[in-house]
C-alpha atoms as a PDB file:
ATOM      1  CA  MET A   1      16.222  12.217   7.367  1.00  0.00           C
ATOM      2  CA  ALA A   2      13.735  13.469   4.820  1.00  0.00           C
ATOM      3  CA  GLU A   3      11.060  15.875   5.966  1.00  0.00           C
ATOM      4  CA  SER A   4       8.250  13.678   7.200  1.00  0.00           C
ATOM      5  CA  SER A   5       4.912  14.048   5.486  1.00  0.00           C
ATOM      6  CA  LYS A   6       2.934  11.896   7.929  1.00  0.00           C
ATOM      7  CA  ARG A   7       0.880  14.910   8.900  1.00  0.00           C
ATOM      8  CA  LEU A   8      -0.374  15.148   5.323  1.00  0.00           C
ATOM      9  CA  HIS A   9      -2.881  12.318   5.607  1.00  0.00           C
ATOM     10  CA  PRO A  10      -4.920  13.080   8.744  1.00  0.00           C
ATOM     11  CA  GLU A  11      -7.884  11.107   7.435  1.00  0.00           C
ATOM     12  CA  LEU A  12      -5.949   7.915   8.129  1.00  0.00           C
ATOM     13  CA  PHE A  13      -5.961   8.729  11.843  1.00  0.00           C
ATOM     14  CA  THR A  14      -9.320  10.423  12.511  1.00  0.00           C
ATOM     15  CA  LEU A  15     -12.904   9.259  12.851  1.00  0.00           C
ATOM     16  CA  ARG A  16     -14.527  10.159   9.565  1.00  0.00           C
ATOM     17  CA  HIS A  17     -18.128   9.020  10.126  1.00  0.00           C
ATOM     18  CA  PHE A  18     -19.239  12.407  11.402  1.00  0.00           C
ATOM     19  CA  THR A  19     -17.459  14.858   9.120  1.00  0.00           C
ATOM     20  CA  ARG A  20     -20.808  15.627   7.494  1.00  0.00           C
ATOM     21  CA  LEU A  21     -21.980  17.235  10.732  1.00  0.00           C
ATOM     22  CA  PHE A  22     -19.549  20.093  10.227  1.00  0.00           C
ATOM     23  CA  ASP A  23     -19.940  20.754   6.487  1.00  0.00           C
ATOM     24  CA  GLY A  24     -19.920  24.407   5.541  1.00  0.00           C
ATOM     25  CA  GLY A  25     -18.805  25.462   9.004  1.00  0.00           C
ATOM     26  CA  GLU A  26     -22.261  24.749  10.444  1.00  0.00           C
ATOM     27  CA  ILE A  27     -23.188  22.226  13.096  1.00  0.00           C
ATOM     28  CA  LEU A  28     -25.999  20.149  11.656  1.00  0.00           C
ATOM     29  CA  LEU A  29     -28.196  17.639  13.387  1.00  0.00           C
ATOM     30  CA  PRO A  30     -28.044  14.147  11.836  1.00  0.00           C
ATOM     31  CA  THR A  31     -30.909  13.078   9.618  1.00  0.00           C
ATOM     32  CA  ALA A  32     -32.307   9.635   8.882  1.00  0.00           C
ATOM     33  CA  ASP A  33     -30.034   9.471   5.840  1.00  0.00           C
ATOM     34  CA  ASP A  34     -26.985   9.640   8.098  1.00  0.00           C
ATOM     35  CA  PHE A  35     -27.936   6.319   9.659  1.00  0.00           C
ATOM     36  CA  LYS A  36     -28.672   4.399   6.478  1.00  0.00           C
ATOM     37  CA  GLY A  37     -26.558   1.272   6.274  1.00  0.00           C
ATOM     38  CA  VAL A  38     -25.484   1.495   9.919  1.00  0.00           C
ATOM     39  CA  PHE A  39     -28.019  -0.942  11.332  1.00  0.00           C
ATOM     40  CA  ARG A  40     -28.330  -4.502  10.125  1.00  0.00           C
ATOM     41  CA  GLY A  41     -32.048  -4.089   9.607  1.00  0.00           C
ATOM     42  CA  ASP A  42     -31.473  -1.630   6.778  1.00  0.00           C
ATOM     43  CA  LYS A  43     -32.404  -3.351   3.505  1.00  0.00           C
ATOM     44  CA  GLU A  44     -30.611  -0.959   1.178  1.00  0.00           C
ATOM     45  CA  PRO A  45     -27.569  -2.510  -0.538  1.00  0.00           C
ATOM     46  CA  ARG A  46     -24.204  -1.384   0.734  1.00  0.00           C
ATOM     47  CA  LEU A  47     -21.832  -0.283  -1.997  1.00  0.00           C
ATOM     48  CA  LEU A  48     -18.056  -0.331  -2.118  1.00  0.00           C
ATOM     49  CA  LEU A  49     -16.856   3.290  -2.264  1.00  0.00           C
ATOM     50  CA  ASP A  50     -20.533   4.306  -2.509  1.00  0.00           C
ATOM     51  CA  PHE A  51     -20.716   2.951  -6.054  1.00  0.00           C
ATOM     52  CA  TYR A  52     -19.716  -0.682  -6.635  1.00  0.00           C
ATOM     53  CA  THR A  53     -21.969  -3.647  -5.918  1.00  0.00           C
ATOM     54  CA  GLN A  54     -20.545  -7.069  -5.148  1.00  0.00           C
ATOM     55  CA  GLU A  55     -21.502  -8.167  -8.666  1.00  0.00           C
ATOM     56  CA  MET A  56     -19.612  -5.231 -10.179  1.00  0.00           C
ATOM     57  CA  VAL A  57     -16.506  -6.092  -8.154  1.00  0.00           C
ATOM     58  CA  GLN A  58     -16.721  -9.703  -9.298  1.00  0.00           C
ATOM     59  CA  GLU A  59     -17.049  -8.560 -12.920  1.00  0.00           C
ATOM     60  CA  ARG A  60     -13.851  -6.525 -12.561  1.00  0.00           C
ATOM     61  CA  LEU A  61     -12.039  -9.524 -11.111  1.00  0.00           C
ATOM     62  CA  GLU A  62     -13.082 -11.590 -14.105  1.00  0.00           C
ATOM     63  CA  HIS A  63     -12.420  -8.871 -16.693  1.00  0.00           C
ATOM     64  CA  TYR A  64      -8.854  -8.217 -15.522  1.00  0.00           C
ATOM     65  CA  GLY A  65      -7.924 -11.890 -15.308  1.00  0.00           C
ATOM     66  CA  VAL A  66      -7.800 -12.433 -11.558  1.00  0.00           C
ATOM     67  CA  MET A  67     -10.355 -15.244 -11.591  1.00  0.00           C
ATOM     68  CA  ALA A  68      -8.618 -16.945 -14.507  1.00  0.00           C
ATOM     69  CA  LYS A  69      -5.241 -16.842 -12.759  1.00  0.00           C
ATOM     70  CA  LEU A  70      -6.720 -18.224  -9.565  1.00  0.00           C
ATOM     71  CA  GLY A  71      -8.289 -21.023 -11.585  1.00  0.00           C
ATOM     72  CA  GLN A  72      -4.896 -21.820 -13.109  1.00  0.00           C
ATOM     73  CA  LYS A  73      -3.604 -22.278  -9.561  1.00  0.00           C
ATOM     74  CA  SER A  74      -6.409 -24.805  -8.899  1.00  0.00           C
ATOM     75  CA  PHE A  75      -8.487 -22.477  -6.735  1.00  0.00           C
ATOM     76  CA  SER A  76     -12.203 -22.882  -7.343  1.00  0.00           C
ATOM     77  CA  HIS A  77     -15.530 -21.584  -6.041  1.00  0.00           C
ATOM     78  CA  ILE A  78     -14.035 -18.184  -5.282  1.00  0.00           C
ATOM     79  CA  GLN A  79     -16.097 -16.328  -2.702  1.00  0.00           C
ATOM     80  CA  VAL A  80     -16.087 -12.515  -2.950  1.00  0.00           C
ATOM     81  CA  ARG A  81     -17.069 -10.678   0.208  1.00  0.00           C
ATOM     82  CA  LEU A  82     -17.570  -6.950   0.803  1.00  0.00           C
ATOM     83  CA  ASN A  83     -17.516  -5.263   4.192  1.00  0.00           C
ATOM     84  CA  VAL A  84     -18.472  -1.632   3.656  1.00  0.00           C
ATOM     85  CA  VAL A  85     -20.122  -0.739   6.968  1.00  0.00           C
ATOM     86  CA  ASP A  86     -17.255   1.619   7.851  1.00  0.00           C
ATOM     87  CA  PRO A  87     -16.768   4.295   5.139  1.00  0.00           C
ATOM     88  CA  GLY A  88     -13.212   4.807   6.354  1.00  0.00           C
ATOM     89  CA  ARG A  89     -12.228   1.145   5.985  1.00  0.00           C
ATOM     90  CA  GLN A  90     -13.957  -0.674   3.146  1.00  0.00           C
ATOM     91  CA  GLN A  91     -12.880  -4.245   2.669  1.00  0.00           C
ATOM     92  CA  VAL A  92     -12.908  -6.706  -0.226  1.00  0.00           C
ATOM     93  CA  THR A  93     -11.977 -10.290   0.635  1.00  0.00           C
ATOM     94  CA  LEU A  94     -11.545 -13.352  -1.580  1.00  0.00           C
ATOM     95  CA  TYR A  95     -11.759 -16.913  -0.287  1.00  0.00           C
ATOM     96  CA  SER A  96     -11.413 -20.268  -1.988  1.00  0.00           C
ATOM     97  CA  GLU A  97     -14.284 -22.651  -1.256  1.00  0.00           C
ATOM     98  CA  ASN A  98     -15.339 -21.486   2.226  1.00  0.00           C
ATOM     99  CA  GLU A  99     -14.647 -18.474   4.395  1.00  0.00           C
ATOM    100  CA  GLY A 100     -11.860 -18.933   6.898  1.00  0.00           C
ATOM    101  CA  PRO A 101      -8.238 -17.892   7.410  1.00  0.00           C
ATOM    102  CA  GLU A 102      -6.999 -21.133   5.862  1.00  0.00           C
ATOM    103  CA  ASN A 103      -8.785 -20.239   2.603  1.00  0.00           C
ATOM    104  CA  LEU A 104      -7.985 -16.506   2.476  1.00  0.00           C
ATOM    105  CA  LEU A 105      -6.543 -15.513  -0.908  1.00  0.00           C
ATOM    106  CA  ALA A 106      -6.832 -11.738  -1.035  1.00  0.00           C
ATOM    107  CA  GLU A 107      -7.768  -8.896   1.230  1.00  0.00           C
ATOM    108  CA  VAL A 108      -7.777  -5.188   0.453  1.00  0.00           C
ATOM    109  CA  CYS A 109      -8.927  -2.292   2.629  1.00  0.00           C
ATOM    110  CA  LEU A 110      -9.725   0.983   0.868  1.00  0.00           C
ATOM    111  CA  HIS A 111     -11.288   4.349   1.354  1.00  0.00           C
ATOM    112  CA  LYS A 112     -11.653   7.478  -0.716  1.00  0.00           C
ATOM    113  CA  GLY A 113     -10.768  10.778   0.837  1.00  0.00           C
ATOM    114  CA  ALA A 114      -9.034  14.109   0.535  1.00  0.00           C
ATOM    115  CA  PHE A 115      -5.272  14.641   0.437  1.00  0.00           C
ATOM    116  CA  ALA A 116      -4.217  18.243   1.113  1.00  0.00           C
ATOM    117  CA  PRO A 117      -0.414  18.552   1.261  1.00  0.00           C
ATOM    118  CA  ASP A 118       1.209  21.336   3.240  1.00  0.00           C
ATOM    119  CA  ALA A 119       4.883  20.294   3.255  1.00  0.00           C
ATOM    120  CA  ASP A 120       7.380  22.789   1.872  1.00  0.00           C
ATOM    121  CA  PHE A 121       8.601  20.343  -0.766  1.00  0.00           C
ATOM    122  CA  ALA A 122       5.093  20.134  -2.256  1.00  0.00           C
ATOM    123  CA  GLY A 123       5.677  23.386  -4.111  1.00  0.00           C
ATOM    124  CA  ALA A 124       2.695  24.374  -6.234  1.00  0.00           C
ATOM    125  CA  LEU A 125       0.618  21.568  -4.702  1.00  0.00           C
ATOM    126  CA  ARG A 126       0.653  23.108  -1.228  1.00  0.00           C
ATOM    127  CA  HIS A 127      -2.850  23.596   0.144  1.00  0.00           C
ATOM    128  CA  GLN A 128      -4.448  22.108  -2.950  1.00  0.00           C
ATOM    129  CA  ARG A 129      -6.995  19.343  -2.406  1.00  0.00           C
ATOM    130  CA  PHE A 130      -6.925  15.977  -4.145  1.00  0.00           C
ATOM    131  CA  GLU A 131      -9.618  13.327  -3.982  1.00  0.00           C
ATOM    132  CA  MET A 132      -7.718  10.067  -3.728  1.00  0.00           C
ATOM    133  CA  LEU A 133      -8.189   6.325  -3.331  1.00  0.00           C
ATOM    134  CA  TYR A 134      -6.293   5.188  -0.236  1.00  0.00           C
ATOM    135  CA  ILE A 135      -4.917   1.647  -0.056  1.00  0.00           C
ATOM    136  CA  GLN A 136      -4.858   0.974   3.668  1.00  0.00           C
ATOM    137  CA  TRP A 137      -4.074  -2.727   3.456  1.00  0.00           C
ATOM    138  CA  LEU A 138      -3.403  -5.231   0.688  1.00  0.00           C
ATOM    139  CA  ARG A 139      -2.670  -8.928   1.108  1.00  0.00           C
ATOM    140  CA  LEU A 140      -2.413 -11.431  -1.756  1.00  0.00           C
ATOM    141  CA  GLN A 141      -1.440 -14.935  -0.672  1.00  0.00           C
ATOM    142  CA  ASN A 142      -1.453 -18.585  -1.626  1.00  0.00           C
ATOM    143  CA  PRO A 143      -2.215 -20.551   1.562  1.00  0.00           C
ATOM    144  CA  ARG A 144      -1.453 -23.847  -0.200  1.00  0.00           C
ATOM    145  CA  ALA A 145       2.028 -22.960  -1.452  1.00  0.00           C
ATOM    146  CA  PRO A 146       5.112 -23.844   0.609  1.00  0.00           C
ATOM    147  CA  TRP A 147       8.062 -21.579   1.209  1.00  0.00           C
ATOM    148  CA  THR A 148      11.166 -22.537  -0.732  1.00  0.00           C
ATOM    149  CA  PRO A 149      14.795 -21.352  -0.690  1.00  0.00           C
ATOM    150  CA  THR A 150      14.226 -19.725  -4.092  1.00  0.00           C
ATOM    151  CA  ARG A 151      10.953 -18.118  -3.018  1.00  0.00           C
ATOM    152  CA  PRO A 152      11.401 -17.287   0.648  1.00  0.00           C
ATOM    153  CA  ALA A 153       9.170 -15.285   2.942  1.00  0.00           C
ATOM    154  CA  LEU A 154       9.217 -11.512   2.745  1.00  0.00           C
ATOM    155  CA  PRO A 155       8.702  -9.439   5.914  1.00  0.00           C
ATOM    156  CA  GLY A 156       5.076  -9.526   7.000  1.00  0.00           C
ATOM    157  CA  GLN A 157       4.069 -12.431   4.755  1.00  0.00           C
ATOM    158  CA  LEU A 158       2.092 -15.341   6.167  1.00  0.00           C
ATOM    159  CA  HIS A 159       2.154 -17.307   2.895  1.00  0.00           C
ATOM    160  CA  PRO A 160       3.775 -16.947  -0.541  1.00  0.00           C
ATOM    161  CA  GLY A 161       2.160 -14.491  -2.919  1.00  0.00           C
ATOM    162  CA  LEU A 162      -0.272 -15.227  -5.749  1.00  0.00           C
ATOM    163  CA  LYS A 163       1.508 -13.288  -8.516  1.00  0.00           C
ATOM    164  CA  ILE A 164      -1.636 -11.319  -9.332  1.00  0.00           C
ATOM    165  CA  GLY A 165      -0.386  -7.942  -8.146  1.00  0.00           C
ATOM    166  CA  ARG A 166      -0.454  -6.310 -11.585  1.00  0.00           C
ATOM    167  CA  GLU A 167      -3.993  -7.478 -12.250  1.00  0.00           C
ATOM    168  CA  VAL A 168      -5.174  -6.194  -8.880  1.00  0.00           C
ATOM    169  CA  MET A 169      -3.525  -2.830  -9.500  1.00  0.00           C
ATOM    170  CA  HIS A 170      -5.287  -2.582 -12.877  1.00  0.00           C
ATOM    171  CA  ILE A 171      -8.571  -3.097 -11.032  1.00  0.00           C
ATOM    172  CA  LEU A 172      -7.798  -0.433  -8.439  1.00  0.00           C
ATOM    173  CA  VAL A 173      -6.855   2.041 -11.160  1.00  0.00           C
ATOM    174  CA  SER A 174     -10.106   1.314 -12.983  1.00  0.00           C
ATOM    175  CA  LEU A 175     -12.095   1.852  -9.764  1.00  0.00           C
ATOM    176  CA  ALA A 176     -10.363   5.159  -9.086  1.00  0.00           C
ATOM    177  CA  GLU A 177     -10.775   6.402 -12.649  1.00  0.00           C
ATOM    178  CA  ARG A 178     -14.462   5.480 -12.722  1.00  0.00           C
ATOM    179  CA  LEU A 179     -14.982   7.531  -9.556  1.00  0.00           C
ATOM    180  CA  GLY A 180     -13.101  10.507 -10.993  1.00  0.00           C
ATOM    181  CA  LEU A 181     -10.339  10.334  -8.370  1.00  0.00           C
ATOM    182  CA  GLU A 182      -6.986  11.950  -9.060  1.00  0.00           C
ATOM    183  CA  GLY A 183      -4.725   9.194  -7.850  1.00  0.00           C
ATOM    184  CA  ILE A 184      -4.088   6.242  -5.577  1.00  0.00           C
ATOM    185  CA  LEU A 185      -2.184   6.677  -2.325  1.00  0.00           C
ATOM    186  CA  ASN A 186      -0.330   3.986  -0.425  1.00  0.00           C
ATOM    187  CA  ILE A 187       2.037   3.980   2.561  1.00  0.00           C
ATOM    188  CA  PRO A 188       4.232   0.866   2.146  1.00  0.00           C
ATOM    189  CA  GLU A 189       4.889  -0.905   5.420  1.00  0.00           C
ATOM    190  CA  PHE A 190       7.970  -2.727   4.144  1.00  0.00           C
ATOM    191  CA  PRO A 191      10.784  -1.986   1.644  1.00  0.00           C
ATOM    192  CA  HIS A 192       9.794  -4.786  -0.728  1.00  0.00           C
ATOM    193  CA  ALA A 193       6.291  -3.308  -0.982  1.00  0.00           C
ATOM    194  CA  ALA A 194       7.753   0.084  -1.929  1.00  0.00           C
ATOM    195  CA  VAL A 195       9.899  -1.569  -4.614  1.00  0.00           C
ATOM    196  CA  LEU A 196       6.968  -3.496  -6.070  1.00  0.00           C
ATOM    197  CA  TYR A 197       4.718  -0.434  -6.021  1.00  0.00           C
ATOM    198  CA  SER A 198       7.448   1.706  -7.602  1.00  0.00           C
ATOM    199  CA  GLU A 199       6.633   0.215 -10.993  1.00  0.00           C
ATOM    200  CA  ARG A 200       3.764   2.732 -11.121  1.00  0.00           C
ATOM    201  CA  PHE A 201       3.968   4.742  -7.888  1.00  0.00           C
ATOM    202  CA  ARG A 202       6.373   7.458  -6.804  1.00  0.00           C
ATOM    203  CA  PHE A 203       7.001   8.773  -3.323  1.00  0.00           C
ATOM    204  CA  PHE A 204       5.320  12.114  -2.808  1.00  0.00           C
ATOM    205  CA  ASN A 205       8.440  13.368  -1.006  1.00  0.00           C
ATOM    206  CA  PRO A 206      11.170  13.651  -3.696  1.00  0.00           C
ATOM    207  CA  GLU A 207      13.919  13.080  -1.138  1.00  0.00           C
ATOM    208  CA  VAL A 208      12.359   9.764  -0.129  1.00  0.00           C
ATOM    209  CA  GLU A 209      12.009   8.816  -3.798  1.00  0.00           C
ATOM    210  CA  GLY A 210      15.729   9.503  -4.227  1.00  0.00           C
ATOM    211  CA  ILE A 211      16.534   7.302  -1.231  1.00  0.00           C
ATOM    212  CA  LEU A 212      14.474   4.444  -2.677  1.00  0.00           C
ATOM    213  CA  GLN A 213      16.272   4.740  -6.016  1.00  0.00           C
ATOM    214  CA  ALA A 214      19.645   4.733  -4.233  1.00  0.00           C
ATOM    215  CA  LEU A 215      18.647   1.608  -2.292  1.00  0.00           C
ATOM    216  CA  LYS A 216      17.608  -0.144  -5.498  1.00  0.00           C
ATOM    217  CA  ARG A 217      20.992   0.744  -7.020  1.00  0.00           C
ATOM    218  CA  ASP A 218      23.159  -0.288  -4.067  1.00  0.00           C
ATOM    219  CA  LEU A 219      21.244  -3.467  -3.177  1.00  0.00           C
ATOM    220  CA  ALA A 220      20.776  -4.662  -6.750  1.00  0.00           C
ATOM    221  CA  ASP A 221      22.894  -7.781  -6.139  1.00  0.00           C
ATOM    222  CA  LEU A 222      20.603  -8.978  -3.346  1.00  0.00           C
ATOM    223  CA  THR A 223      17.363 -10.872  -3.595  1.00  0.00           C
ATOM    224  CA  LEU A 224      14.240  -8.899  -2.776  1.00  0.00           C
ATOM    225  CA  ALA A 225      13.927 -10.896   0.452  1.00  0.00           C
ATOM    226  CA  GLU A 226      17.504 -10.133   1.523  1.00  0.00           C
ATOM    227  CA  ALA A 227      17.108  -6.446   0.772  1.00  0.00           C
ATOM    228  CA  SER A 228      13.777  -6.095   2.568  1.00  0.00           C
ATOM    229  CA  TRP A 229      14.737  -8.135   5.624  1.00  0.00           C
ATOM    230  CA  GLY A 230      18.098  -6.371   5.652  1.00  0.00           C
ATOM    231  CA  VAL A 231      16.569  -2.911   5.833  1.00  0.00           C
ATOM    232  CA  MET A 232      14.004  -3.926   8.448  1.00  0.00           C
ATOM    233  CA  LEU A 233      16.649  -5.558  10.675  1.00  0.00           C
ATOM    234  CA  GLY A 234      19.193  -2.731  10.502  1.00  0.00           C
ATOM    235  CA  CYS A 235      21.591  -4.541   8.165  1.00  0.00           C
ATOM    236  CA  VAL A 236      21.622  -1.728   5.589  1.00  0.00           C
ATOM    237  CA  THR A 237      23.756   1.215   6.658  1.00  0.00           C
ATOM    238  CA  ALA A 238      24.632   4.623   5.235  1.00  0.00           C
ATOM    239  CA  ALA A 239      28.070   4.472   3.627  1.00  0.00           C
ATOM    240  CA  ASP A 240      29.153   7.842   5.041  1.00  0.00           C
ATOM    241  CA  THR A 241      27.979   7.509   8.655  1.00  0.00           C
ATOM    242  CA  GLY A 242      27.605   3.773   9.198  1.00  0.00           C
ATOM    243  CA  ARG A 243      24.182   4.368  10.722  1.00  0.00           C
ATOM    244  CA  PRO A 244      21.490   1.785   9.926  1.00  0.00           C
ATOM    245  CA  LEU A 245      18.708   2.979   7.663  1.00  0.00           C
ATOM    246  CA  ARG A 246      15.411   2.883   9.516  1.00  0.00           C
ATOM    247  CA  TRP A 247      12.412   2.229   7.299  1.00  0.00           C
ATOM    248  CA  PHE A 248       9.978   5.099   7.064  1.00  0.00           C
ATOM    249  CA  LYS A 249       6.259   5.614   6.590  1.00  0.00           C
ATOM    250  CA  GLU A 250       5.812   7.908   3.607  1.00  0.00           C
ATOM    251  CA  GLU A 251       3.166   8.312   0.919  1.00  0.00           C
ATOM    252  CA  GLN A 252       3.558   6.758  -2.506  1.00  0.00           C
ATOM    253  CA  VAL A 253       1.253   8.087  -5.199  1.00  0.00           C
ATOM    254  CA  LEU A 254       0.028   6.622  -8.459  1.00  0.00           C
ATOM    255  CA  PRO A 255      -0.921   9.761 -10.435  1.00  0.00           C
ATOM    256  CA  LEU A 256      -4.187   9.809 -12.362  1.00  0.00           C
ATOM    257  CA  SER A 257      -4.532  13.513 -13.115  1.00  0.00           C
ATOM    258  CA  PRO A 258      -2.635  16.251 -14.961  1.00  0.00           C
ATOM    259  CA  ARG A 259      -1.889  18.001 -11.657  1.00  0.00           C
ATOM    260  CA  TRP A 260      -0.066  14.963 -10.291  1.00  0.00           C
ATOM    261  CA  ASP A 261       1.713  14.344 -13.604  1.00  0.00           C
ATOM    262  CA  ALA A 262       2.938  17.939 -13.644  1.00  0.00           C
ATOM    263  CA  TYR A 263       4.251  17.611 -10.083  1.00  0.00           C
ATOM    264  CA  PHE A 264       6.199  14.397 -10.660  1.00  0.00           C
ATOM    265  CA  ASP A 265       7.545  15.615 -14.020  1.00  0.00           C
ATOM    266  CA  SER A 266       8.521  19.041 -12.700  1.00  0.00           C
ATOM    267  CA  PRO A 267      12.183  20.143 -12.703  1.00  0.00           C
ATOM    268  CA  ALA A 268      11.953  20.859  -8.960  1.00  0.00           C
ATOM    269  CA  TYR A 269      10.853  17.302  -8.089  1.00  0.00           C
ATOM    270  CA  THR A 270      13.346  15.715 -10.481  1.00  0.00           C
ATOM    271  CA  ARG A 271      16.201  17.860  -9.175  1.00  0.00           C
ATOM    272  CA  VAL A 272      15.679  16.759  -5.560  1.00  0.00           C
ATOM    273  CA  VAL A 273      15.328  13.091  -6.550  1.00  0.00           C
ATOM    274  CA  GLU A 274      18.569  13.175  -8.538  1.00  0.00           C
ATOM    275  CA  ARG A 275      20.501  15.088  -5.870  1.00  0.00           C
ATOM    276  CA  THR A 276      19.400  12.636  -3.172  1.00  0.00           C
ATOM    277  CA  TYR A 277      20.175   9.656  -5.398  1.00  0.00           C
ATOM    278  CA  PHE A 278      23.760  10.783  -5.993  1.00  0.00           C
ATOM    279  CA  ASN A 279      24.363  11.950  -2.406  1.00  0.00           C
ATOM    280  CA  HIS A 280      23.288   8.715  -0.701  1.00  0.00           C
ATOM    281  CA  ALA A 281      25.003   5.336  -0.726  1.00  0.00           C
ATOM    282  CA  TYR A 282      24.199   2.211   1.263  1.00  0.00           C
ATOM    283  CA  ILE A 283      26.079  -0.905   2.374  1.00  0.00           C
ATOM    284  CA  PHE A 284      24.644  -4.320   3.194  1.00  0.00           C
ATOM    285  CA  ASP A 285      26.137  -5.770   6.382  1.00  0.00           C
ATOM    286  CA  ARG A 286      26.328  -9.449   5.476  1.00  0.00           C
ATOM    287  CA  ALA A 287      27.829 -10.488   8.804  1.00  0.00           C
ATOM    288  CA  ARG A 288      25.003  -8.926  10.794  1.00  0.00           C
ATOM    289  CA  TYR A 289      22.410 -10.395   8.426  1.00  0.00           C
ATOM    290  CA  ALA A 290      23.912 -13.880   8.789  1.00  0.00           C
ATOM    291  CA  ALA A 291      23.976 -13.532  12.575  1.00  0.00           C
ATOM    292  CA  LEU A 292      20.323 -12.503  12.715  1.00  0.00           C
ATOM    293  CA  GLY A 293      19.247 -15.149  10.182  1.00  0.00           C
ATOM    294  CA  PRO A 294      15.604 -14.140   9.635  1.00  0.00           C
ATOM    295  CA  LEU A 295      14.880 -17.151   7.407  1.00  0.00           C
ATOM    296  CA  ASN A 296      15.064 -20.894   7.925  1.00  0.00           C
ATOM    297  CA  PRO A 297      16.887 -23.012   5.306  1.00  0.00           C
ATOM    298  CA  ASP A 298      13.551 -23.888   3.678  1.00  0.00           C
ATOM    299  CA  GLY A 299      12.736 -20.197   3.166  1.00  0.00           C
ATOM    300  CA  SER A 300      10.175 -19.926   5.968  1.00  0.00           C
ATOM    301  CA  PRO A 301      10.440 -17.010   8.426  1.00  0.00           C
ATOM    302  CA  ARG A 302      11.883 -17.628  11.850  1.00  0.00           C
ATOM    303  CA  PRO A 303       9.145 -16.868  14.398  1.00  0.00           C
ATOM    304  CA  ASP A 304      11.628 -15.530  16.954  1.00  0.00           C
ATOM    305  CA  VAL A 305      12.835 -12.703  14.685  1.00  0.00           C
ATOM    306  CA  LYS A 306      10.940  -9.545  15.600  1.00  0.00           C
ATOM    307  CA  LEU A 307      10.579  -6.626  13.232  1.00  0.00           C
ATOM    308  CA  PRO A 308      10.974  -3.065  14.509  1.00  0.00           C
ATOM    309  CA  VAL A 309       8.207  -0.517  14.137  1.00  0.00           C
ATOM    310  CA  PRO A 310       8.861   1.722  11.095  1.00  0.00           C
ATOM    311  CA  ALA A 311       9.776   5.352  11.779  1.00  0.00           C
ATOM    312  CA  LEU A 312       6.954   7.886  11.759  1.00  0.00           C
END
């Protein structure tokens, strides 16, 4: 399997509230400023990513067409909510009419932080530091839409999607660019997410990018639902060994700086992607998929089908 780069994003797994206490190698006592926004009595406005007000977020939603598309789907009185108490997990949520799970349309969790790769395949990027926008969680759903055989459930979905993914990505890019960040980083939980993100993202690990491209080639005759469920349920196997492909947790990057562009366009990165692409082939085990049957005839997910935990 490809060299794992999970160790390259420690900020996803550490408490980040107190990093300021160790700036410059010194242990500093907290000041009053360190506690601003922590207690509910604080009257100062809380800002998304330390910059965006709720009104600014709403303006972006309108400017990039999200509100218009939701209106076309008969959603009205869209409520925009920010939860920015935790700097390491900042949340934007959209509801139709009133707050509640039955009215949830969109939910995104973000944070900005450093990415300092140290994997051998990183080449010239090793030990460099990038300020990035991390997408920790993104859900876009239509709670009123039914599943259908032609638009079945994808792994992890509670409801069909809203078809506003491109608009939302335009917003995230605009947020990152306004903050001077060098890229957007995402770790797709499911294969279909990696495929959808791959329109603008590439896997940081070139070997993993080559595997994704090989999967897209060899599973091109399947629906996105079949391919994603198939990988998650062990129905996609390596042609040479017969071993099921286990989905992996790896970073995908949308580059927003010359340094990232140079890395992804470099001969070294391209060479590994192409070699992996041509050296890997995958087979879809239709018999196993039919036996597992993750979907009901109406396209809804079977509740008794359990998904494995992706490889670390």
